[in-house]
PDB file of N, CA and C in Angstrom:
ATOM      1  N   MET A   1     158.314 121.049 -50.199  1.00  0.00           N
ATOM      2  CA  MET A   1     158.429 120.654 -51.558  1.00  0.00           C
ATOM      3  C   MET A   1     158.475 119.290 -52.234  1.00  0.00           C
ATOM      4  N   THR A   2     157.241 118.661 -52.807  1.00  0.00           N
ATOM      5  CA  THR A   2     157.741 117.521 -53.200  1.00  0.00           C
ATOM      6  C   THR A   2     157.919 116.922 -54.644  1.00  0.00           C
ATOM      7  N   ARG A   3     159.088 116.280 -54.787  1.00  0.00           N
ATOM      8  CA  ARG A   3     159.884 115.656 -55.481  1.00  0.00           C
ATOM      9  C   ARG A   3     159.828 114.491 -56.323  1.00  0.00           C
ATOM     10  N   ASN A   4     159.468 113.752 -57.342  1.00  0.00           N
ATOM     11  CA  ASN A   4     159.331 112.343 -57.623  1.00  0.00           C
ATOM     12  C   ASN A   4     160.414 112.405 -58.657  1.00  0.00           C
ATOM     13  N   HIS A   5     160.881 111.068 -57.988  1.00  0.00           N
ATOM     14  CA  HIS A   5     162.063 110.406 -58.377  1.00  0.00           C
ATOM     15  C   HIS A   5     161.263 108.792 -59.115  1.00  0.00           C
ATOM     16  N   HIS A   6     162.391 108.393 -60.422  1.00  0.00           N
ATOM     17  CA  HIS A   6     161.980 106.691 -61.002  1.00  0.00           C
ATOM     18  C   HIS A   6     162.993 106.733 -61.215  1.00  0.00           C
ATOM     19  N   PHE A   7     163.162 104.769 -60.791  1.00  0.00           N
ATOM     20  CA  PHE A   7     164.084 103.956 -60.967  1.00  0.00           C
ATOM     21  C   PHE A   7     163.779 103.280 -61.941  1.00  0.00           C
ATOM     22  N   HIS A   8     164.452 102.125 -62.594  1.00  0.00           N
ATOM     23  CA  HIS A   8     164.369 101.432 -63.431  1.00  0.00           C
ATOM     24  C   HIS A   8     165.400 100.129 -63.589  1.00  0.00           C
ATOM     25  N   LEU A   9     164.945  98.907 -63.949  1.00  0.00           N
ATOM     26  CA  LEU A   9     166.124  97.883 -63.908  1.00  0.00           C
ATOM     27  C   LEU A   9     165.300  96.752 -65.016  1.00  0.00           C
ATOM     28  N   ASP A  10     165.791  96.538 -66.017  1.00  0.00           N
ATOM     29  CA  ASP A  10     165.702  95.365 -67.116  1.00  0.00           C
ATOM     30  C   ASP A  10     166.504  94.377 -67.055  1.00  0.00           C
ATOM     31  N   ILE A  11     165.665  92.757 -66.112  1.00  0.00           N
ATOM     32  CA  ILE A  11     166.549  91.978 -65.921  1.00  0.00           C
ATOM     33  C   ILE A  11     165.229  90.652 -66.077  1.00  0.00           C
ATOM     34  N   ALA A  12     166.334  89.607 -67.267  1.00  0.00           N
ATOM     35  CA  ALA A  12     165.939  88.344 -67.495  1.00  0.00           C
ATOM     36  C   ALA A  12     164.033  88.865 -68.221  1.00  0.00           C
ATOM     37  N   GLY A  13     164.185  89.906 -68.872  1.00  0.00           N
ATOM     38  CA  GLY A  13     162.819  89.782 -69.304  1.00  0.00           C
ATOM     39  C   GLY A  13     162.085  90.464 -68.975  1.00  0.00           C
ATOM     40  N   HIS A  14     162.263  90.919 -67.533  1.00  0.00           N
ATOM     41  CA  HIS A  14     161.002  91.649 -66.810  1.00  0.00           C
ATOM     42  C   HIS A  14     161.436  93.190 -66.717  1.00  0.00           C
ATOM     43  N   SER A  15     160.351  94.040 -66.523  1.00  0.00           N
ATOM     44  CA  SER A  15     160.720  95.243 -65.963  1.00  0.00           C
ATOM     45  C   SER A  15     160.351  95.575 -64.487  1.00  0.00           C
ATOM     46  N   VAL A  16     161.013  95.979 -63.835  1.00  0.00           N
ATOM     47  CA  VAL A  16     161.355  96.732 -62.615  1.00  0.00           C
ATOM     48  C   VAL A  16     161.319  98.196 -62.494  1.00  0.00           C
ATOM     49  N   THR A  17     160.511  99.074 -61.865  1.00  0.00           N
ATOM     50  CA  THR A  17     160.465  99.826 -61.836  1.00  0.00           C
ATOM     51  C   THR A  17     159.902 100.110 -60.199  1.00  0.00           C
ATOM     52  N   VAL A  18     160.542 101.491 -59.436  1.00  0.00           N
ATOM     53  CA  VAL A  18     160.566 102.199 -58.867  1.00  0.00           C
ATOM     54  C   VAL A  18     159.778 103.663 -58.970  1.00  0.00           C
ATOM     55  N   ASN A  19     159.412 103.997 -58.379  1.00  0.00           N
ATOM     56  CA  ASN A  19     158.545 105.639 -57.907  1.00  0.00           C
ATOM     57  C   ASN A  19     158.722 106.185 -56.480  1.00  0.00           C
ATOM     58  N   VAL A  20     159.699 106.786 -56.794  1.00  0.00           N
ATOM     59  CA  VAL A  20     159.708 107.556 -55.043  1.00  0.00           C
ATOM     60  C   VAL A  20     158.848 108.790 -54.672  1.00  0.00           C
ATOM     61  N   HIS A  21     157.929 108.980 -54.441  1.00  0.00           N
ATOM     62  CA  HIS A  21     157.641 110.579 -54.332  1.00  0.00           C
ATOM     63  C   HIS A  21     158.000 110.945 -52.975  1.00  0.00           C
ATOM     64  N   ASN A  22     159.040 112.200 -52.660  1.00  0.00           N
ATOM     65  CA  ASN A  22     159.572 112.475 -51.893  1.00  0.00           C
ATOM     66  C   ASN A  22     158.595 113.825 -51.437  1.00  0.00           C
ATOM     67  N   GLY A  23     158.424 114.326 -49.923  1.00  0.00           N
ATOM     68  CA  GLY A  23     157.811 115.296 -49.523  1.00  0.00           C
ATOM     69  C   GLY A  23     157.479 115.430 -47.896  1.00  0.00           C
ATOM     70  N   HIS A  24     157.295 115.635 -46.981  1.00  0.00           N
ATOM     71  CA  HIS A  24     157.101 115.327 -45.505  1.00  0.00           C
ATOM     72  C   HIS A  24     157.391 114.050 -45.171  1.00  0.00           C
ATOM     73  N   ARG A  25     156.600 113.260 -46.060  1.00  0.00           N
ATOM     74  CA  ARG A  25     156.560 112.063 -46.061  1.00  0.00           C
ATOM     75  C   ARG A  25     157.334 110.790 -47.531  1.00  0.00           C
ATOM     76  N   VAL A  26     157.890 109.991 -47.428  1.00  0.00           N
ATOM     77  CA  VAL A  26     158.677 109.418 -48.084  1.00  0.00           C
ATOM     78  C   VAL A  26     157.214 108.131 -48.918  1.00  0.00           C
ATOM     79  N   ILE A  27     156.878 108.335 -50.529  1.00  0.00           N
ATOM     80  CA  ILE A  27     156.143 107.266 -50.656  1.00  0.00           C
ATOM     81  C   ILE A  27     156.293 106.721 -51.407  1.00  0.00           C
ATOM     82  N   ALA A  28     156.694 105.252 -51.632  1.00  0.00           N
ATOM     83  CA  ALA A  28     157.447 104.590 -52.673  1.00  0.00           C
ATOM     84  C   ALA A  28     156.777 103.168 -53.101  1.00  0.00           C
ATOM     85  N   GLU A  29     156.558 102.895 -54.151  1.00  0.00           N
ATOM     86  CA  GLU A  29     156.326 102.200 -55.246  1.00  0.00           C
ATOM     87  C   GLU A  29     156.785 101.432 -56.233  1.00  0.00           C
ATOM     88  N   LEU A  30     156.819  99.864 -55.494  1.00  0.00           N
ATOM     89  CA  LEU A  30     157.494  99.082 -56.530  1.00  0.00           C
ATOM     90  C   LEU A  30     156.405  98.388 -57.610  1.00  0.00           C
ATOM     91  N   LEU A  31     156.732  98.537 -59.024  1.00  0.00           N
ATOM     92  CA  LEU A  31     156.356  97.897 -60.453  1.00  0.00           C
ATOM     93  C   LEU A  31     157.113  96.787 -60.747  1.00  0.00           C
ATOM     94  N   VAL A  32     156.345  95.645 -61.014  1.00  0.00           N
ATOM     95  CA  VAL A  32     157.106  94.621 -61.630  1.00  0.00           C
ATOM     96  C   VAL A  32     156.225  94.043 -63.007  1.00  0.00           C
ATOM     97  N   ASP A  33     157.049  94.271 -64.093  1.00  0.00           N
ATOM     98  CA  ASP A  33     155.852  94.565 -65.326  1.00  0.00           C
ATOM     99  C   ASP A  33     154.729  95.204 -65.501  1.00  0.00           C
ATOM    100  N   GLY A  34     154.935  96.598 -65.218  1.00  0.00           N
ATOM    101  CA  GLY A  34     153.854  97.192 -65.273  1.00  0.00           C
ATOM    102  C   GLY A  34     152.871  96.779 -63.331  1.00  0.00           C
ATOM    103  N   LYS A  35     153.115  96.536 -63.115  1.00  0.00           N
ATOM    104  CA  LYS A  35     151.533  95.889 -62.040  1.00  0.00           C
ATOM    105  C   LYS A  35     152.192  96.656 -60.570  1.00  0.00           C
ATOM    106  N   VAL A  36     151.881  97.171 -59.569  1.00  0.00           N
ATOM    107  CA  VAL A  36     152.390  97.453 -58.481  1.00  0.00           C
ATOM    108  C   VAL A  36     152.003  96.457 -57.406  1.00  0.00           C
ATOM    109  N   THR A  37     153.262  96.024 -56.546  1.00  0.00           N
ATOM    110  CA  THR A  37     153.121  95.004 -56.085  1.00  0.00           C
ATOM    111  C   THR A  37     153.421  95.028 -54.565  1.00  0.00           C
ATOM    112  N   ASP A  38     154.097  96.471 -54.238  1.00  0.00           N
ATOM    113  CA  ASP A  38     154.195  96.363 -52.646  1.00  0.00           C
ATOM    114  C   ASP A  38     154.235  97.797 -53.217  1.00  0.00           C
ATOM    115  N   HIS A  39     153.839  98.887 -51.907  1.00  0.00           N
ATOM    116  CA  HIS A  39     154.303 100.161 -51.666  1.00  0.00           C
ATOM    117  C   HIS A  39     154.386 100.329 -49.941  1.00  0.00           C
ATOM    118  N   GLN A  40     155.253 101.388 -49.816  1.00  0.00           N
ATOM    119  CA  GLN A  40     155.120 102.028 -48.536  1.00  0.00           C
ATOM    120  C   GLN A  40     155.626 103.499 -48.633  1.00  0.00           C
ATOM    121  N   GLU A  41     154.841 103.451 -47.017  1.00  0.00           N
ATOM    122  CA  GLU A  41     155.346 105.434 -46.913  1.00  0.00           C
ATOM    123  C   GLU A  41     155.847 105.288 -45.243  1.00  0.00           C
ATOM    124  N   THR A  42     156.886 106.448 -44.869  1.00  0.00           N
ATOM    125  CA  THR A  42     157.591 106.355 -43.867  1.00  0.00           C
ATOM    126  C   THR A  42     157.856 107.770 -44.042  1.00  0.00           C
ATOM    127  N   ARG A  43     158.467 108.393 -42.595  1.00  0.00           N
ATOM    128  CA  ARG A  43     159.103 109.742 -42.479  1.00  0.00           C
ATOM    129  C   ARG A  43     160.341 109.813 -42.024  1.00  0.00           C
ATOM    130  N   GLY A  44     160.846 110.885 -42.640  1.00  0.00           N
ATOM    131  CA  GLY A  44     162.355 110.857 -42.768  1.00  0.00           C
ATOM    132  C   GLY A  44     163.088 110.501 -43.104  1.00  0.00           C
ATOM    133  N   SER A  45     164.243 109.907 -42.849  1.00  0.00           N
ATOM    134  CA  SER A  45     165.268 109.463 -43.754  1.00  0.00           C
ATOM    135  C   SER A  45     165.396 107.596 -43.885  1.00  0.00           C
ATOM    136  N   ARG A  46     164.051 107.033 -42.914  1.00  0.00           N
ATOM    137  CA  ARG A  46     164.640 105.600 -42.948  1.00  0.00           C
ATOM    138  C   ARG A  46     164.353 105.027 -44.167  1.00  0.00           C
ATOM    139  N   PRO A  47     165.346 103.442 -44.628  1.00  0.00           N
ATOM    140  CA  PRO A  47     165.407 102.903 -45.395  1.00  0.00           C
ATOM    141  C   PRO A  47     163.750 102.128 -46.166  1.00  0.00           C
ATOM    142  N   LEU A  48     163.716 101.843 -46.761  1.00  0.00           N
ATOM    143  CA  LEU A  48     162.584 100.857 -47.509  1.00  0.00           C
ATOM    144  C   LEU A  48     162.751  99.649 -47.616  1.00  0.00           C
ATOM    145  N   LEU A  49     161.954  98.753 -47.728  1.00  0.00           N
ATOM    146  CA  LEU A  49     161.764  97.534 -48.257  1.00  0.00           C
ATOM    147  C   LEU A  49     160.828  97.316 -49.156  1.00  0.00           C
ATOM    148  N   LEU A  50     160.927  97.245 -50.720  1.00  0.00           N
ATOM    149  CA  LEU A  50     159.579  96.761 -51.307  1.00  0.00           C
ATOM    150  C   LEU A  50     159.753  95.304 -51.567  1.00  0.00           C
ATOM    151  N   ASN A  51     158.842  94.637 -51.692  1.00  0.00           N
ATOM    152  CA  ASN A  51     158.923  93.088 -52.117  1.00  0.00           C
ATOM    153  C   ASN A  51     157.943  92.637 -53.111  1.00  0.00           C
ATOM    154  N   GLY A  52     158.351  92.047 -54.292  1.00  0.00           N
ATOM    155  CA  GLY A  52     157.453  91.414 -55.413  1.00  0.00           C
ATOM    156  C   GLY A  52     158.055  90.133 -55.894  1.00  0.00           C
ATOM    157  N   GLU A  53     157.278  89.692 -56.756  1.00  0.00           N
ATOM    158  CA  GLU A  53     157.905  88.266 -57.346  1.00  0.00           C
ATOM    159  C   GLU A  53     158.601  88.391 -58.987  1.00  0.00           C
ATOM    160  N   LEU A  54     158.826  88.196 -59.816  1.00  0.00           N
ATOM    161  CA  LEU A  54     159.353  87.987 -60.953  1.00  0.00           C
ATOM    162  C   LEU A  54     158.173  86.865 -61.523  1.00  0.00           C
ATOM    163  N   ALA A  55     157.473  87.038 -62.272  1.00  0.00           N
ATOM    164  CA  ALA A  55     156.425  86.096 -63.128  1.00  0.00           C
ATOM    165  C   ALA A  55     157.360  85.007 -63.861  1.00  0.00           C
ATOM    166  N   ASP A  56     158.057  84.233 -63.073  1.00  0.00           N
ATOM    167  CA  ASP A  56     158.577  83.478 -63.996  1.00  0.00           C
ATOM    168  C   ASP A  56     158.703  82.023 -63.262  1.00  0.00           C
ATOM    169  N   GLU A  57     158.689  80.523 -64.026  1.00  0.00           N
ATOM    170  CA  GLU A  57     158.488  79.417 -63.406  1.00  0.00           C
ATOM    171  C   GLU A  57     159.352  78.271 -62.859  1.00  0.00           C
ATOM    172  N   PRO A  58     159.615  78.605 -61.424  1.00  0.00           N
ATOM    173  CA  PRO A  58     158.888  79.159 -60.491  1.00  0.00           C
ATOM    174  C   PRO A  58     158.859  80.597 -60.215  1.00  0.00           C
ATOM    175  N   ALA A  59     158.208  81.386 -60.085  1.00  0.00           N
ATOM    176  CA  ALA A  59     158.271  82.562 -59.315  1.00  0.00           C
ATOM    177  C   ALA A  59     159.457  82.801 -58.780  1.00  0.00           C
ATOM    178  N   ARG A  60     160.317  84.192 -58.505  1.00  0.00           N
ATOM    179  CA  ARG A  60     161.506  84.659 -58.583  1.00  0.00           C
ATOM    180  C   ARG A  60     161.203  85.273 -57.885  1.00  0.00           C
ATOM    181  N   PRO A  61     161.608  86.122 -56.416  1.00  0.00           N
ATOM    182  CA  PRO A  61     161.560  86.789 -55.588  1.00  0.00           C
ATOM    183  C   PRO A  61     162.300  87.815 -55.725  1.00  0.00           C
ATOM    184  N   VAL A  62     161.916  89.413 -55.495  1.00  0.00           N
ATOM    185  CA  VAL A  62     162.405  90.598 -55.768  1.00  0.00           C
ATOM    186  C   VAL A  62     162.118  91.947 -54.540  1.00  0.00           C
ATOM    187  N   GLY A  63     163.614  92.206 -54.441  1.00  0.00           N
ATOM    188  CA  GLY A  63     163.396  93.220 -53.452  1.00  0.00           C
ATOM    189  C   GLY A  63     164.001  94.616 -53.988  1.00  0.00           C
ATOM    190  N   VAL A  64     163.896  95.816 -53.509  1.00  0.00           N
ATOM    191  CA  VAL A  64     163.875  97.019 -53.608  1.00  0.00           C
ATOM    192  C   VAL A  64     164.404  97.612 -52.575  1.00  0.00           C
ATOM    193  N   ARG A  65     165.627  98.059 -52.156  1.00  0.00           N
ATOM    194  CA  ARG A  65     165.790  98.805 -51.357  1.00  0.00           C
ATOM    195  C   ARG A  65     166.481 100.578 -51.235  1.00  0.00           C
ATOM    196  N   ILE A  66     165.465 100.989 -50.934  1.00  0.00           N
ATOM    197  CA  ILE A  66     165.409 102.544 -51.171  1.00  0.00           C
ATOM    198  C   ILE A  66     166.208 102.684 -49.773  1.00  0.00           C
ATOM    199  N   LEU A  67     167.106 104.198 -50.347  1.00  0.00           N
ATOM    200  CA  LEU A  67     167.952 104.890 -49.171  1.00  0.00           C
ATOM    201  C   LEU A  67     167.083 106.711 -49.648  1.00  0.00           C
ATOM    202  N   PRO A  68     165.977 106.854 -48.868  1.00  0.00           N
ATOM    203  CA  PRO A  68     165.515 108.088 -49.377  1.00  0.00           C
ATOM    204  C   PRO A  68     166.354 109.218 -49.265  1.00  0.00           C
ATOM    205  N   GLY A  69     167.310 109.231 -48.265  1.00  0.00           N
ATOM    206  CA  GLY A  69     168.102 110.804 -48.555  1.00  0.00           C
ATOM    207  C   GLY A  69     168.703 110.494 -47.470  1.00  0.00           C
ATOM    208  N   PRO A  70     169.245 111.765 -47.031  1.00  0.00           N
ATOM    209  CA  PRO A  70     168.747 112.980 -47.827  1.00  0.00           C
ATOM    210  C   PRO A  70     169.162 113.107 -49.090  1.00  0.00           C
ATOM    211  N   GLY A  71     168.523 114.559 -49.962  1.00  0.00           N
ATOM    212  CA  GLY A  71     169.301 114.312 -51.223  1.00  0.00           C
ATOM    213  C   GLY A  71     168.158 113.637 -51.900  1.00  0.00           C
ATOM    214  N   VAL A  72     168.338 113.152 -53.449  1.00  0.00           N
ATOM    215  CA  VAL A  72     168.063 112.207 -54.162  1.00  0.00           C
ATOM    216  C   VAL A  72     168.362 110.836 -53.476  1.00  0.00           C
ATOM    217  N   PRO A  73     167.054 110.090 -53.652  1.00  0.00           N
ATOM    218  CA  PRO A  73     167.210 108.698 -53.193  1.00  0.00           C
ATOM    219  C   PRO A  73     168.390 107.611 -54.190  1.00  0.00           C
ATOM    220  N   ARG A  74     168.388 106.919 -53.611  1.00  0.00           N
ATOM    221  CA  ARG A  74     169.173 105.640 -54.165  1.00  0.00           C
ATOM    222  C   ARG A  74     168.334 104.454 -54.187  1.00  0.00           C
ATOM    223  N   CYS A  75     168.265 103.417 -55.375  1.00  0.00           N
ATOM    224  CA  CYS A  75     167.658 102.493 -54.944  1.00  0.00           C
ATOM    225  C   CYS A  75     168.604 101.556 -55.881  1.00  0.00           C
ATOM    226  N   THR A  76     168.992 100.199 -54.650  1.00  0.00           N
ATOM    227  CA  THR A  76     169.111  98.870 -55.351  1.00  0.00           C
ATOM    228  C   THR A  76     167.996  97.749 -55.440  1.00  0.00           C
ATOM    229  N   ALA A  77     168.057  96.609 -56.410  1.00  0.00           N
ATOM    230  CA  ALA A  77     167.545  95.526 -56.460  1.00  0.00           C
ATOM    231  C   ALA A  77     168.171  94.095 -56.199  1.00  0.00           C
ATOM    232  N   LEU A  78     167.558  93.452 -55.490  1.00  0.00           N
ATOM    233  CA  LEU A  78     167.719  92.429 -54.940  1.00  0.00           C
ATOM    234  C   LEU A  78     167.432  91.640 -55.574  1.00  0.00           C
ATOM    235  N   ILE A  79     167.989  90.422 -56.466  1.00  0.00           N
ATOM    236  CA  ILE A  79     167.858  89.397 -57.553  1.00  0.00           C
ATOM    237  C   ILE A  79     168.406  88.239 -57.198  1.00  0.00           C
ATOM    238  N   ASP A  80     167.875  87.058 -57.135  1.00  0.00           N
ATOM    239  CA  ASP A  80     168.981  86.270 -56.599  1.00  0.00           C
ATOM    240  C   ASP A  80     170.063  86.039 -56.339  1.00  0.00           C
ATOM    241  N   GLY A  81     170.057  86.816 -55.013  1.00  0.00           N
ATOM    242  CA  GLY A  81     170.918  86.522 -54.257  1.00  0.00           C
ATOM    243  C   GLY A  81     172.370  87.731 -54.377  1.00  0.00           C
ATOM    244  N   ALA A  82     172.079  88.484 -55.781  1.00  0.00           N
ATOM    245  CA  ALA A  82     172.821  89.674 -55.598  1.00  0.00           C
ATOM    246  C   ALA A  82     171.936  91.135 -55.853  1.00  0.00           C
ATOM    247  N   GLU A  83     172.666  92.039 -55.459  1.00  0.00           N
ATOM    248  CA  GLU A  83     172.103  93.341 -55.089  1.00  0.00           C
ATOM    249  C   GLU A  83     172.792  94.541 -56.471  1.00  0.00           C
ATOM    250  N   GLU A  84     171.927  94.672 -57.484  1.00  0.00           N
ATOM    251  CA  GLU A  84     172.023  95.863 -58.704  1.00  0.00           C
ATOM    252  C   GLU A  84     171.717  96.907 -58.359  1.00  0.00           C
ATOM    253  N   LEU A  85     172.613  98.257 -58.482  1.00  0.00           N
ATOM    254  CA  LEU A  85     172.097  99.722 -59.015  1.00  0.00           C
ATOM    255  C   LEU A  85     171.125  99.696 -59.750  1.00  0.00           C
ATOM    256  N   MET A  86     169.704 100.422 -59.364  1.00  0.00           N
ATOM    257  CA  MET A  86     169.303 100.848 -60.607  1.00  0.00           C
ATOM    258  C   MET A  86     168.916 102.215 -61.061  1.00  0.00           C
ATOM    259  N   SER A  87     168.862 102.181 -62.162  1.00  0.00           N
ATOM    260  CA  SER A  87     169.424 103.624 -62.866  1.00  0.00           C
ATOM    261  C   SER A  87     168.256 104.330 -62.870  1.00  0.00           C
ATOM    262  N   PRO A  88     168.644 105.691 -62.698  1.00  0.00           N
ATOM    263  CA  PRO A  88     167.316 106.840 -62.584  1.00  0.00           C
ATOM    264  C   PRO A  88     166.314 106.575 -64.094  1.00  0.00           C
ATOM    265  N   ARG A  89     165.480 107.243 -64.054  1.00  0.00           N
ATOM    266  CA  ARG A  89     164.843 107.131 -65.175  1.00  0.00           C
ATOM    267  C   ARG A  89     164.072 108.873 -65.359  1.00  0.00           C
ATOM    268  N   ALA A  90     164.339 109.782 -66.301  1.00  0.00           N
ATOM    269  CA  ALA A  90     163.565 110.763 -66.688  1.00  0.00           C
ATOM    270  C   ALA A  90     161.771 110.359 -66.995  1.00  0.00           C
ATOM    271  N   PHE A  91     161.384 111.005 -66.609  1.00  0.00           N
ATOM    272  CA  PHE A  91     159.455 110.959 -67.111  1.00  0.00           C
ATOM    273  C   PHE A  91     159.174 112.160 -67.514  1.00  0.00           C
TER     274      PHE A  91
END
């Protein structure tokens, strides 16, 4: 059975969102300010790392580490050397 999970973080005026689609394979996508910046697919419970940029001057890299399971996935954002847990978001 497929289950979708959504995570969100507002940082420095930017929106960082992760959509995780669980099934036989895990498909995850990273959106920064509403635009898909990276997506990956894996099997099993292997961690994923998605990358994007915050459109500042100069641009700042943002990474998201996804631990897909077992159970409900967890996401943490990696920005400016700090790691912050992303909040689950209901849709």
